[in-house]
Amino acid sequence: MLPKDISDKELYKIMDSFTYALGEHCNYCHGNPKDENTKRTDFAADVNPNKDIARVMMKMVGNINNNLLNDARAINSHIGKIECVTCHRGSAHIDKLEDVLYESYKKDGLDSALKKYGDLKQQYYGSFTFDFRDHTLLSFASKVIEDGKTDDAIKITNKAVELFPESTSAYSFLGNIYMKGGNNELAIKNFEKAVQLDPRNRFANEILRRLKNSEK
């Protein structure tokens, strides 16, 4: 994958970029996964499947930069190149936060998923690994709604309201859940809060108008 005559300096630079991008140490790819007690890493050994995956990823990055993006640069010469960190952002896995939370929810329930959110926020907040903005929890709630778990979706959205009290999107989302559940009183209350936070919220204004007309 790399030139046989590559310098030590250049090799270390590339390897360091991998550890930075994935948030892992060298033994993530070079270590023997069957022998956790190995004290000395055999960097040349091909015993760790992550090393083979890394080779495939390197080919993919090369193909994107050297072929696909060249076509884009013919349109806009200012397009740069991608690196491992472009997608990994400090994590070995590139799942979005809402997908990580949903997987935890499906496996261990809502309390576990919300705890995982807090743990990941404590570990990664301020980095570029996960997106902790309000829409992530709302996206998670959407997945739960698709499973027919409306009560859990309400709890998730209330968590978003708690963490982002100025989020017009969170209140609109909560109002929409209540509206679809036939609870117009709570729907109006939340849409009113959304409009209070952002009077230009066209969706909230329109739904609020319809709800109030239906109450007359």
N, C-alpha and C. Protein backbone atom coordinates (compact mmCIF):
# COMPACT_ATOMS: atom_id res chain seq x y z
N MET A 1 0.81 -1.21 0.00
CA MET A 1 0.00 0.00 0.00
C MET A 1 0.85 1.27 0.00
N LEU A 2 2.06 1.16 0.55
CA LEU A 2 2.95 2.32 0.63
C LEU A 2 4.26 1.99 -0.08
N PRO A 3 4.96 2.99 -0.58
CA PRO A 3 6.24 2.73 -1.28
C PRO A 3 7.24 2.01 -0.37
N LYS A 4 7.97 1.06 -0.90
CA LYS A 4 8.95 0.32 -0.09
C LYS A 4 10.08 1.21 0.40
N ASP A 5 10.34 2.29 -0.32
CA ASP A 5 11.44 3.18 0.07
C ASP A 5 10.94 4.40 0.85
N ILE A 6 9.73 4.33 1.40
CA ILE A 6 9.20 5.46 2.15
C ILE A 6 10.09 5.75 3.35
N SER A 7 10.27 7.02 3.66
CA SER A 7 11.14 7.39 4.78
C SER A 7 10.43 7.13 6.11
N ASP A 8 11.22 6.94 7.15
CA ASP A 8 10.64 6.75 8.48
C ASP A 8 9.75 7.93 8.86
N LYS A 9 10.22 9.11 8.55
CA LYS A 9 9.48 10.32 8.92
C LYS A 9 8.11 10.34 8.25
N GLU A 10 8.07 10.03 6.96
CA GLU A 10 6.81 10.05 6.23
C GLU A 10 5.89 8.93 6.70
N LEU A 11 6.48 7.76 6.99
CA LEU A 11 5.68 6.63 7.47
C LEU A 11 5.04 6.95 8.82
N TYR A 12 5.81 7.49 9.73
CA TYR A 12 5.27 7.86 11.04
C TYR A 12 4.18 8.92 10.92
N LYS A 13 4.36 9.83 9.98
CA LYS A 13 3.37 10.88 9.76
C LYS A 13 2.03 10.28 9.34
N ILE A 14 2.10 9.30 8.43
CA ILE A 14 0.88 8.64 7.96
C ILE A 14 0.22 7.84 9.08
N MET A 15 1.04 7.09 9.82
CA MET A 15 0.50 6.28 10.91
C MET A 15 -0.11 7.16 12.00
N ASP A 16 0.54 8.28 12.29
CA ASP A 16 0.00 9.21 13.29
C ASP A 16 -1.35 9.78 12.84
N SER A 17 -1.48 9.99 11.53
CA SER A 17 -2.75 10.53 11.02
C SER A 17 -3.88 9.51 11.21
N PHE A 18 -3.53 8.22 11.12
CA PHE A 18 -4.53 7.17 11.34
C PHE A 18 -4.99 7.15 12.80
N THR A 19 -4.03 7.19 13.72
CA THR A 19 -4.40 7.13 15.14
C THR A 19 -5.22 8.36 15.53
N TYR A 20 -4.87 9.51 14.97
CA TYR A 20 -5.63 10.73 15.24
C TYR A 20 -7.04 10.64 14.69
N ALA A 21 -7.15 10.14 13.47
CA ALA A 21 -8.45 10.07 12.80
C ALA A 21 -9.40 9.10 13.50
N LEU A 22 -8.87 7.95 13.97
CA LEU A 22 -9.71 6.91 14.56
C LEU A 22 -9.79 6.98 16.08
N GLY A 23 -8.97 7.83 16.70
CA GLY A 23 -8.97 7.89 18.15
C GLY A 23 -8.47 6.61 18.79
N GLU A 24 -7.59 5.91 18.12
CA GLU A 24 -7.07 4.63 18.61
C GLU A 24 -5.55 4.66 18.65
N HIS A 25 -4.97 3.58 19.21
CA HIS A 25 -3.51 3.44 19.24
C HIS A 25 -3.06 2.49 18.14
N CYS A 26 -1.77 2.36 17.98
CA CYS A 26 -1.21 1.55 16.89
C CYS A 26 -1.71 0.12 16.91
N ASN A 27 -1.90 -0.43 18.12
CA ASN A 27 -2.29 -1.85 18.20
C ASN A 27 -3.73 -2.11 17.77
N TYR A 28 -4.47 -1.04 17.42
CA TYR A 28 -5.82 -1.25 16.90
C TYR A 28 -5.76 -2.00 15.57
N CYS A 29 -4.73 -1.73 14.79
CA CYS A 29 -4.53 -2.45 13.52
C CYS A 29 -3.37 -3.44 13.58
N HIS A 30 -2.33 -3.09 14.33
CA HIS A 30 -1.12 -3.91 14.33
C HIS A 30 -1.10 -4.96 15.42
N GLY A 31 -1.86 -4.80 16.48
CA GLY A 31 -1.83 -5.76 17.57
C GLY A 31 -2.50 -7.06 17.20
N ASN A 32 -2.19 -8.10 17.94
CA ASN A 32 -2.81 -9.41 17.75
C ASN A 32 -4.07 -9.47 18.62
N PRO A 33 -5.26 -9.46 18.02
CA PRO A 33 -6.49 -9.44 18.83
C PRO A 33 -6.68 -10.68 19.68
N LYS A 34 -5.94 -11.75 19.36
CA LYS A 34 -6.08 -13.00 20.12
C LYS A 34 -5.12 -13.06 21.30
N ASP A 35 -4.21 -12.10 21.39
CA ASP A 35 -3.21 -12.12 22.45
C ASP A 35 -3.12 -10.74 23.08
N GLU A 36 -3.94 -10.50 24.10
CA GLU A 36 -3.96 -9.19 24.74
C GLU A 36 -2.75 -8.95 25.62
N ASN A 37 -1.97 -9.99 25.88
CA ASN A 37 -0.81 -9.86 26.77
C ASN A 37 0.48 -9.58 26.02
N THR A 38 0.38 -9.44 24.69
CA THR A 38 1.58 -9.18 23.91
C THR A 38 2.19 -7.85 24.32
N LYS A 39 3.45 -7.88 24.70
CA LYS A 39 4.12 -6.66 25.17
C LYS A 39 4.79 -5.91 24.03
N ARG A 40 5.16 -6.61 22.99
CA ARG A 40 5.87 -5.97 21.88
C ARG A 40 5.06 -6.17 20.61
N THR A 41 4.72 -5.08 19.95
CA THR A 41 3.90 -5.16 18.75
C THR A 41 4.73 -5.54 17.54
N ASP A 42 4.27 -6.55 16.82
CA ASP A 42 4.90 -6.96 15.56
C ASP A 42 4.20 -6.20 14.43
N PHE A 43 4.79 -5.09 14.04
CA PHE A 43 4.12 -4.21 13.07
C PHE A 43 4.00 -4.85 11.69
N ALA A 44 4.87 -5.79 11.36
CA ALA A 44 4.83 -6.40 10.03
C ALA A 44 3.83 -7.54 9.94
N ALA A 45 3.37 -8.05 11.08
CA ALA A 45 2.48 -9.20 11.08
C ALA A 45 1.10 -8.84 10.53
N ASP A 46 0.49 -9.79 9.82
CA ASP A 46 -0.86 -9.61 9.28
C ASP A 46 -1.83 -10.53 10.03
N VAL A 47 -2.01 -10.28 11.30
CA VAL A 47 -2.88 -11.13 12.12
C VAL A 47 -4.14 -10.41 12.57
N ASN A 48 -4.19 -9.11 12.37
CA ASN A 48 -5.33 -8.33 12.82
C ASN A 48 -6.18 -7.93 11.62
N PRO A 49 -7.46 -8.35 11.58
CA PRO A 49 -8.31 -8.00 10.43
C PRO A 49 -8.48 -6.50 10.21
N ASN A 50 -8.30 -5.71 11.27
CA ASN A 50 -8.41 -4.26 11.10
C ASN A 50 -7.35 -3.72 10.15
N LYS A 51 -6.24 -4.43 10.07
CA LYS A 51 -5.16 -4.00 9.17
C LYS A 51 -5.60 -4.17 7.72
N ASP A 52 -6.32 -5.26 7.43
CA ASP A 52 -6.83 -5.47 6.08
C ASP A 52 -7.92 -4.45 5.74
N ILE A 53 -8.74 -4.14 6.74
CA ILE A 53 -9.77 -3.12 6.52
C ILE A 53 -9.12 -1.78 6.21
N ALA A 54 -8.04 -1.47 6.94
CA ALA A 54 -7.33 -0.21 6.71
C ALA A 54 -6.80 -0.14 5.28
N ARG A 55 -6.33 -1.25 4.76
CA ARG A 55 -5.84 -1.26 3.38
C ARG A 55 -6.96 -0.94 2.39
N VAL A 56 -8.14 -1.53 2.63
CA VAL A 56 -9.28 -1.25 1.76
C VAL A 56 -9.67 0.22 1.85
N MET A 57 -9.64 0.76 3.06
CA MET A 57 -9.99 2.17 3.25
C MET A 57 -8.98 3.09 2.54
N MET A 58 -7.71 2.71 2.59
CA MET A 58 -6.70 3.52 1.91
C MET A 58 -6.93 3.53 0.41
N LYS A 59 -7.32 2.38 -0.15
CA LYS A 59 -7.64 2.32 -1.58
C LYS A 59 -8.84 3.19 -1.90
N MET A 60 -9.85 3.15 -1.02
CA MET A 60 -11.05 3.95 -1.25
C MET A 60 -10.72 5.44 -1.25
N VAL A 61 -9.94 5.89 -0.26
CA VAL A 61 -9.57 7.29 -0.16
C VAL A 61 -8.77 7.71 -1.40
N GLY A 62 -7.85 6.84 -1.84
CA GLY A 62 -7.06 7.14 -3.03
C GLY A 62 -7.93 7.26 -4.26
N ASN A 63 -8.91 6.38 -4.38
CA ASN A 63 -9.80 6.42 -5.54
C ASN A 63 -10.65 7.69 -5.54
N ILE A 64 -11.14 8.07 -4.37
CA ILE A 64 -11.96 9.28 -4.29
C ILE A 64 -11.14 10.52 -4.64
N ASN A 65 -9.94 10.60 -4.06
CA ASN A 65 -9.11 11.79 -4.28
C ASN A 65 -8.57 11.88 -5.70
N ASN A 66 -8.11 10.74 -6.22
CA ASN A 66 -7.41 10.75 -7.50
C ASN A 66 -8.32 10.63 -8.71
N ASN A 67 -9.53 10.11 -8.49
CA ASN A 67 -10.43 9.92 -9.62
C ASN A 67 -11.71 10.75 -9.48
N LEU A 68 -12.51 10.42 -8.50
CA LEU A 68 -13.82 11.08 -8.39
C LEU A 68 -13.70 12.59 -8.17
N LEU A 69 -12.82 12.98 -7.24
CA LEU A 69 -12.70 14.41 -6.96
C LEU A 69 -12.02 15.16 -8.09
N ASN A 70 -11.24 14.47 -8.89
CA ASN A 70 -10.66 15.14 -10.06
C ASN A 70 -11.75 15.62 -11.00
N ASP A 71 -12.82 14.82 -11.13
CA ASP A 71 -13.95 15.24 -11.96
C ASP A 71 -14.61 16.48 -11.38
N ALA A 72 -14.69 16.51 -10.04
CA ALA A 72 -15.30 17.67 -9.39
C ALA A 72 -14.41 18.90 -9.52
N ARG A 73 -13.09 18.68 -9.48
CA ARG A 73 -12.16 19.82 -9.59
C ARG A 73 -12.19 20.43 -10.99
N ALA A 74 -12.64 19.65 -11.96
CA ALA A 74 -12.79 20.21 -13.31
C ALA A 74 -13.89 21.25 -13.34
N ILE A 75 -14.79 21.16 -12.36
CA ILE A 75 -15.87 22.13 -12.23
C ILE A 75 -15.48 23.25 -11.28
N ASN A 76 -14.83 22.86 -10.19
CA ASN A 76 -14.40 23.84 -9.17
C ASN A 76 -13.02 23.45 -8.69
N SER A 77 -12.03 24.20 -9.07
CA SER A 77 -10.64 23.85 -8.77
C SER A 77 -10.29 23.97 -7.30
N HIS A 78 -11.17 24.58 -6.50
CA HIS A 78 -10.86 24.79 -5.09
C HIS A 78 -11.24 23.60 -4.21
N ILE A 79 -11.80 22.55 -4.79
CA ILE A 79 -12.16 21.37 -4.01
C ILE A 79 -10.89 20.67 -3.53
N GLY A 80 -10.82 20.42 -2.24
CA GLY A 80 -9.63 19.80 -1.66
C GLY A 80 -9.68 18.29 -1.72
N LYS A 81 -8.98 17.65 -0.80
CA LYS A 81 -8.98 16.18 -0.76
C LYS A 81 -9.56 15.71 0.56
N ILE A 82 -10.00 14.45 0.57
CA ILE A 82 -10.49 13.88 1.81
C ILE A 82 -9.37 13.10 2.48
N GLU A 83 -9.51 12.93 3.79
CA GLU A 83 -8.58 12.12 4.56
C GLU A 83 -9.40 11.20 5.46
N CYS A 84 -8.75 10.29 6.15
CA CYS A 84 -9.46 9.38 7.05
C CYS A 84 -10.29 10.16 8.06
N VAL A 85 -9.73 11.25 8.55
CA VAL A 85 -10.38 12.04 9.59
C VAL A 85 -11.66 12.72 9.07
N THR A 86 -11.79 12.86 7.75
CA THR A 86 -12.96 13.50 7.18
C THR A 86 -14.24 12.78 7.61
N CYS A 87 -14.19 11.46 7.64
CA CYS A 87 -15.36 10.68 8.03
C CYS A 87 -15.28 10.16 9.46
N HIS A 88 -14.09 9.77 9.90
CA HIS A 88 -13.98 9.14 11.22
C HIS A 88 -14.06 10.15 12.37
N ARG A 89 -13.50 11.32 12.19
CA ARG A 89 -13.65 12.41 13.16
C ARG A 89 -13.28 12.00 14.59
N GLY A 90 -12.25 11.17 14.73
CA GLY A 90 -11.79 10.81 16.08
C GLY A 90 -12.41 9.54 16.63
N SER A 91 -13.11 8.77 15.80
CA SER A 91 -13.73 7.53 16.24
C SER A 91 -13.47 6.44 15.21
N ALA A 92 -13.28 5.21 15.70
CA ALA A 92 -13.01 4.10 14.79
C ALA A 92 -14.22 3.78 13.92
N HIS A 93 -15.40 4.11 14.42
CA HIS A 93 -16.63 3.85 13.66
C HIS A 93 -17.25 5.19 13.25
N ILE A 94 -17.89 5.21 12.10
CA ILE A 94 -18.37 6.48 11.55
C ILE A 94 -19.88 6.65 11.70
N ASP A 95 -20.49 5.90 12.62
CA ASP A 95 -21.93 6.01 12.83
C ASP A 95 -22.30 7.40 13.35
N LYS A 96 -23.45 7.89 12.92
CA LYS A 96 -23.97 9.14 13.47
C LYS A 96 -24.46 8.89 14.88
N LEU A 97 -24.47 9.94 15.69
CA LEU A 97 -24.85 9.80 17.09
C LEU A 97 -26.26 9.24 17.23
N GLU A 98 -27.20 9.70 16.42
CA GLU A 98 -28.56 9.20 16.54
C GLU A 98 -28.65 7.71 16.26
N ASP A 99 -27.78 7.20 15.36
CA ASP A 99 -27.76 5.77 15.08
C ASP A 99 -27.15 4.98 16.24
N VAL A 100 -26.14 5.55 16.88
CA VAL A 100 -25.54 4.92 18.05
C VAL A 100 -26.58 4.84 19.18
N LEU A 101 -27.32 5.92 19.38
CA LEU A 101 -28.33 5.95 20.42
C LEU A 101 -29.46 4.97 20.12
N TYR A 102 -29.87 4.92 18.87
CA TYR A 102 -30.96 4.01 18.49
C TYR A 102 -30.56 2.56 18.68
N GLU A 103 -29.33 2.24 18.35
CA GLU A 103 -28.83 0.87 18.53
C GLU A 103 -28.84 0.51 20.01
N SER A 104 -28.42 1.45 20.85
CA SER A 104 -28.43 1.22 22.30
C SER A 104 -29.86 1.07 22.80
N TYR A 105 -30.77 1.86 22.24
CA TYR A 105 -32.18 1.79 22.62
C TYR A 105 -32.78 0.44 22.28
N LYS A 106 -32.50 -0.06 21.07
CA LYS A 106 -33.04 -1.34 20.63
C LYS A 106 -32.49 -2.48 21.48
N LYS A 107 -31.28 -2.33 21.94
CA LYS A 107 -30.63 -3.41 22.69
C LYS A 107 -30.99 -3.38 24.17
N ASP A 108 -30.94 -2.20 24.79
CA ASP A 108 -31.06 -2.12 26.25
C ASP A 108 -32.11 -1.15 26.76
N GLY A 109 -32.87 -0.49 25.87
CA GLY A 109 -33.94 0.38 26.33
C GLY A 109 -33.56 1.85 26.39
N LEU A 110 -34.55 2.67 26.72
CA LEU A 110 -34.38 4.12 26.66
C LEU A 110 -33.40 4.64 27.70
N ASP A 111 -33.48 4.16 28.94
CA ASP A 111 -32.57 4.66 29.98
C ASP A 111 -31.12 4.45 29.57
N SER A 112 -30.84 3.29 28.99
CA SER A 112 -29.48 2.99 28.54
C SER A 112 -29.05 3.94 27.42
N ALA A 113 -29.97 4.22 26.51
CA ALA A 113 -29.64 5.10 25.38
C ALA A 113 -29.36 6.52 25.86
N LEU A 114 -30.18 7.02 26.79
CA LEU A 114 -29.97 8.37 27.29
C LEU A 114 -28.70 8.45 28.14
N LYS A 115 -28.38 7.37 28.84
CA LYS A 115 -27.12 7.34 29.59
C LYS A 115 -25.94 7.36 28.63
N LYS A 116 -26.08 6.62 27.53
CA LYS A 116 -25.01 6.60 26.54
C LYS A 116 -24.81 7.98 25.94
N TYR A 117 -25.90 8.70 25.72
CA TYR A 117 -25.81 10.07 25.21
C TYR A 117 -24.98 10.93 26.17
N GLY A 118 -25.29 10.81 27.47
CA GLY A 118 -24.55 11.59 28.47
C GLY A 118 -23.09 11.20 28.54
N ASP A 119 -22.82 9.89 28.46
CA ASP A 119 -21.43 9.41 28.52
C ASP A 119 -20.63 9.90 27.32
N LEU A 120 -21.23 9.81 26.14
CA LEU A 120 -20.54 10.25 24.92
C LEU A 120 -20.35 11.76 24.92
N LYS A 121 -21.33 12.47 25.44
CA LYS A 121 -21.21 13.92 25.51
C LYS A 121 -20.06 14.33 26.42
N GLN A 122 -19.95 13.62 27.54
CA GLN A 122 -18.85 13.91 28.48
C GLN A 122 -17.50 13.60 27.84
N GLN A 123 -17.46 12.55 27.05
CA GLN A 123 -16.20 12.13 26.42
C GLN A 123 -15.84 12.96 25.19
N TYR A 124 -16.83 13.32 24.37
CA TYR A 124 -16.54 13.90 23.07
C TYR A 124 -16.99 15.34 22.87
N TYR A 125 -17.79 15.88 23.78
CA TYR A 125 -18.33 17.23 23.56
C TYR A 125 -17.19 18.24 23.37
N GLY A 126 -17.32 19.06 22.36
CA GLY A 126 -16.28 20.03 22.04
C GLY A 126 -15.33 19.53 20.98
N SER A 127 -15.42 18.22 20.67
CA SER A 127 -14.61 17.67 19.59
C SER A 127 -15.47 17.67 18.33
N PHE A 128 -14.98 17.04 17.29
CA PHE A 128 -15.75 16.99 16.05
C PHE A 128 -16.25 15.58 15.77
N THR A 129 -16.25 14.71 16.80
CA THR A 129 -16.59 13.31 16.60
C THR A 129 -18.09 13.11 16.43
N PHE A 130 -18.89 13.66 17.32
CA PHE A 130 -20.34 13.51 17.26
C PHE A 130 -21.01 14.88 17.27
N ASP A 131 -22.20 14.91 16.70
CA ASP A 131 -22.98 16.14 16.64
C ASP A 131 -23.97 16.13 17.82
N PHE A 132 -23.74 16.98 18.79
CA PHE A 132 -24.59 17.02 19.98
C PHE A 132 -25.64 18.13 19.92
N ARG A 133 -25.92 18.65 18.74
CA ARG A 133 -26.95 19.66 18.63
C ARG A 133 -28.34 19.04 18.78
N ASP A 134 -29.36 19.89 18.89
CA ASP A 134 -30.71 19.42 19.20
C ASP A 134 -31.26 18.42 18.18
N HIS A 135 -30.91 18.62 16.91
CA HIS A 135 -31.53 17.79 15.88
C HIS A 135 -31.13 16.32 15.99
N THR A 136 -30.01 16.03 16.66
CA THR A 136 -29.60 14.64 16.82
C THR A 136 -30.60 13.87 17.68
N LEU A 137 -31.01 14.46 18.79
CA LEU A 137 -32.01 13.81 19.64
C LEU A 137 -33.36 13.73 18.93
N LEU A 138 -33.68 14.73 18.13
CA LEU A 138 -34.95 14.70 17.40
C LEU A 138 -34.93 13.62 16.33
N SER A 139 -33.79 13.42 15.71
CA SER A 139 -33.65 12.35 14.73
C SER A 139 -33.77 10.99 15.40
N PHE A 140 -33.19 10.87 16.59
CA PHE A 140 -33.31 9.65 17.39
C PHE A 140 -34.79 9.40 17.73
N ALA A 141 -35.49 10.45 18.15
CA ALA A 141 -36.91 10.33 18.48
C ALA A 141 -37.72 9.89 17.27
N SER A 142 -37.36 10.36 16.08
CA SER A 142 -38.06 9.97 14.85
C SER A 142 -37.96 8.48 14.61
N LYS A 143 -36.77 7.93 14.85
CA LYS A 143 -36.57 6.49 14.68
C LYS A 143 -37.44 5.71 15.65
N VAL A 144 -37.56 6.21 16.86
CA VAL A 144 -38.36 5.54 17.89
C VAL A 144 -39.85 5.63 17.54
N ILE A 145 -40.28 6.75 16.98
CA ILE A 145 -41.67 6.90 16.54
C ILE A 145 -42.00 5.87 15.47
N GLU A 146 -41.07 5.63 14.57
CA GLU A 146 -41.29 4.64 13.52
C GLU A 146 -41.50 3.25 14.09
N ASP A 147 -40.97 3.01 15.29
CA ASP A 147 -41.19 1.73 15.97
C ASP A 147 -42.50 1.70 16.74
N GLY A 148 -43.24 2.82 16.69
CA GLY A 148 -44.50 2.88 17.40
C GLY A 148 -44.38 3.17 18.88
N LYS A 149 -43.21 3.63 19.33
CA LYS A 149 -42.97 3.90 20.75
C LYS A 149 -43.11 5.40 21.02
N THR A 150 -44.34 5.89 20.94
CA THR A 150 -44.58 7.32 21.07
C THR A 150 -44.18 7.86 22.44
N ASP A 151 -44.49 7.12 23.49
CA ASP A 151 -44.16 7.59 24.85
C ASP A 151 -42.65 7.78 25.01
N ASP A 152 -41.86 6.86 24.47
CA ASP A 152 -40.42 6.98 24.55
C ASP A 152 -39.94 8.17 23.71
N ALA A 153 -40.58 8.37 22.57
CA ALA A 153 -40.21 9.50 21.71
C ALA A 153 -40.47 10.83 22.43
N ILE A 154 -41.56 10.89 23.19
CA ILE A 154 -41.87 12.10 23.96
C ILE A 154 -40.79 12.33 25.02
N LYS A 155 -40.34 11.27 25.67
CA LYS A 155 -39.29 11.40 26.68
C LYS A 155 -37.98 11.90 26.05
N ILE A 156 -37.67 11.38 24.89
CA ILE A 156 -36.44 11.81 24.20
C ILE A 156 -36.55 13.29 23.80
N THR A 157 -37.71 13.68 23.29
CA THR A 157 -37.89 15.06 22.87
C THR A 157 -37.90 16.01 24.06
N ASN A 158 -38.47 15.56 25.17
CA ASN A 158 -38.40 16.37 26.39
C ASN A 158 -36.96 16.54 26.86
N LYS A 159 -36.14 15.52 26.63
CA LYS A 159 -34.72 15.64 26.94
C LYS A 159 -34.09 16.71 26.07
N ALA A 160 -34.48 16.75 24.80
CA ALA A 160 -33.97 17.79 23.89
C ALA A 160 -34.41 19.17 24.36
N VAL A 161 -35.67 19.28 24.81
CA VAL A 161 -36.16 20.57 25.32
C VAL A 161 -35.40 20.98 26.57
N GLU A 162 -35.11 19.99 27.43
CA GLU A 162 -34.36 20.27 28.66
C GLU A 162 -32.95 20.77 28.34
N LEU A 163 -32.29 20.13 27.38
CA LEU A 163 -30.91 20.50 27.04
C LEU A 163 -30.84 21.73 26.15
N PHE A 164 -31.90 21.95 25.36
CA PHE A 164 -31.90 23.06 24.40
C PHE A 164 -33.19 23.86 24.57
N PRO A 165 -33.32 24.58 25.68
CA PRO A 165 -34.57 25.30 25.97
C PRO A 165 -34.89 26.40 24.98
N GLU A 166 -33.93 26.78 24.14
CA GLU A 166 -34.17 27.82 23.15
C GLU A 166 -34.40 27.23 21.76
N SER A 167 -34.60 25.93 21.68
CA SER A 167 -34.75 25.26 20.39
C SER A 167 -36.19 25.27 19.92
N THR A 168 -36.49 26.07 18.94
CA THR A 168 -37.84 26.09 18.38
C THR A 168 -38.16 24.75 17.71
N SER A 169 -37.13 24.10 17.17
CA SER A 169 -37.33 22.80 16.51
C SER A 169 -37.80 21.75 17.50
N ALA A 170 -37.22 21.75 18.71
CA ALA A 170 -37.59 20.76 19.72
C ALA A 170 -39.04 20.93 20.14
N TYR A 171 -39.47 22.17 20.36
CA TYR A 171 -40.86 22.41 20.76
C TYR A 171 -41.83 22.09 19.62
N SER A 172 -41.44 22.41 18.40
CA SER A 172 -42.28 22.07 17.24
C SER A 172 -42.42 20.56 17.11
N PHE A 173 -41.31 19.86 17.30
CA PHE A 173 -41.31 18.41 17.19
C PHE A 173 -42.24 17.81 18.25
N LEU A 174 -42.12 18.31 19.48
CA LEU A 174 -42.94 17.81 20.57
C LEU A 174 -44.42 18.12 20.31
N GLY A 175 -44.69 19.33 19.83
CA GLY A 175 -46.06 19.69 19.50
C GLY A 175 -46.64 18.79 18.43
N ASN A 176 -45.82 18.42 17.46
CA ASN A 176 -46.28 17.56 16.38
C ASN A 176 -46.63 16.17 16.89
N ILE A 177 -45.83 15.65 17.84
CA ILE A 177 -46.13 14.35 18.42
C ILE A 177 -47.48 14.38 19.12
N TYR A 178 -47.68 15.41 19.92
CA TYR A 178 -48.95 15.52 20.66
C TYR A 178 -50.13 15.70 19.70
N MET A 179 -49.93 16.48 18.65
CA MET A 179 -51.00 16.70 17.69
C MET A 179 -51.42 15.38 17.04
N LYS A 180 -50.44 14.59 16.61
CA LYS A 180 -50.75 13.33 15.96
C LYS A 180 -51.39 12.34 16.94
N GLY A 181 -51.10 12.54 18.24
CA GLY A 181 -51.71 11.68 19.25
C GLY A 181 -53.06 12.16 19.71
N GLY A 182 -53.52 13.29 19.14
CA GLY A 182 -54.84 13.81 19.47
C GLY A 182 -54.90 14.69 20.70
N ASN A 183 -53.74 15.03 21.26
CA ASN A 183 -53.70 15.89 22.44
C ASN A 183 -53.46 17.33 21.99
N ASN A 184 -54.53 17.98 21.56
CA ASN A 184 -54.41 19.32 21.00
C ASN A 184 -53.96 20.35 22.03
N GLU A 185 -54.34 20.14 23.28
CA GLU A 185 -53.99 21.11 24.32
C GLU A 185 -52.46 21.21 24.46
N LEU A 186 -51.80 20.05 24.58
CA LEU A 186 -50.33 20.07 24.71
C LEU A 186 -49.67 20.44 23.38
N ALA A 187 -50.32 20.08 22.29
CA ALA A 187 -49.77 20.45 20.98
C ALA A 187 -49.73 21.97 20.85
N ILE A 188 -50.85 22.63 21.18
CA ILE A 188 -50.91 24.09 21.10
C ILE A 188 -49.87 24.72 22.02
N LYS A 189 -49.77 24.20 23.22
CA LYS A 189 -48.82 24.75 24.19
C LYS A 189 -47.40 24.73 23.64
N ASN A 190 -46.99 23.63 23.01
CA ASN A 190 -45.63 23.51 22.51
C ASN A 190 -45.42 24.30 21.23
N PHE A 191 -46.42 24.36 20.37
CA PHE A 191 -46.28 25.17 19.17
C PHE A 191 -46.23 26.67 19.52
N GLU A 192 -46.98 27.06 20.55
CA GLU A 192 -46.92 28.45 20.99
C GLU A 192 -45.52 28.79 21.50
N LYS A 193 -44.91 27.86 22.20
CA LYS A 193 -43.55 28.09 22.68
C LYS A 193 -42.58 28.18 21.50
N ALA A 194 -42.78 27.35 20.50
CA ALA A 194 -41.92 27.39 19.31
C ALA A 194 -42.02 28.74 18.61
N VAL A 195 -43.25 29.25 18.50
CA VAL A 195 -43.46 30.55 17.84
C VAL A 195 -42.91 31.68 18.70
N GLN A 196 -43.04 31.53 20.00
CA GLN A 196 -42.48 32.55 20.91
C GLN A 196 -40.97 32.67 20.72
N LEU A 197 -40.31 31.53 20.55
CA LEU A 197 -38.85 31.51 20.37
C LEU A 197 -38.46 32.01 18.99
N ASP A 198 -39.29 31.68 17.99
CA ASP A 198 -38.99 32.10 16.63
C ASP A 198 -40.28 32.45 15.91
N PRO A 199 -40.67 33.72 15.93
CA PRO A 199 -41.92 34.14 15.30
C PRO A 199 -41.96 33.85 13.80
N ARG A 200 -40.80 33.61 13.18
CA ARG A 200 -40.75 33.35 11.74
C ARG A 200 -40.85 31.86 11.40
N ASN A 201 -41.08 31.04 12.40
CA ASN A 201 -41.22 29.60 12.19
C ASN A 201 -42.54 29.34 11.46
N ARG A 202 -42.48 29.23 10.15
CA ARG A 202 -43.68 29.12 9.33
C ARG A 202 -44.46 27.85 9.63
N PHE A 203 -43.75 26.75 9.84
CA PHE A 203 -44.42 25.48 10.13
C PHE A 203 -45.22 25.58 11.43
N ALA A 204 -44.56 26.06 12.49
CA ALA A 204 -45.24 26.16 13.79
C ALA A 204 -46.41 27.13 13.72
N ASN A 205 -46.24 28.25 13.04
CA ASN A 205 -47.32 29.23 12.92
C ASN A 205 -48.53 28.64 12.20
N GLU A 206 -48.29 27.93 11.12
CA GLU A 206 -49.39 27.37 10.33
C GLU A 206 -50.13 26.28 11.12
N ILE A 207 -49.39 25.38 11.75
CA ILE A 207 -50.03 24.32 12.53
C ILE A 207 -50.78 24.90 13.72
N LEU A 208 -50.19 25.89 14.34
CA LEU A 208 -50.83 26.53 15.48
C LEU A 208 -52.16 27.19 15.06
N ARG A 209 -52.15 27.82 13.90
CA ARG A 209 -53.38 28.45 13.39
C ARG A 209 -54.46 27.40 13.16
N ARG A 210 -54.08 26.28 12.56
CA ARG A 210 -55.05 25.21 12.29
C ARG A 210 -55.60 24.62 13.59
N LEU A 211 -54.71 24.40 14.55
CA LEU A 211 -55.16 23.81 15.82
C LEU A 211 -56.13 24.72 16.55
N LYS A 212 -55.82 26.01 16.56
CA LYS A 212 -56.69 26.96 17.27
C LYS A 212 -58.03 27.10 16.56
N ASN A 213 -58.02 27.03 15.25
CA ASN A 213 -59.29 27.09 14.48
C ASN A 213 -60.15 25.87 14.78
N SER A 214 -59.49 24.72 14.93
CA SER A 214 -60.24 23.50 15.19
C SER A 214 -60.84 23.47 16.58
N GLU A 215 -60.27 24.29 17.48
CA GLU A 215 -60.76 24.35 18.85
C GLU A 215 -61.98 25.25 19.00
N LYS A 216 -62.23 26.07 17.97
CA LYS A 216 -63.35 27.02 18.06
C LYS A 216 -64.69 26.32 17.90
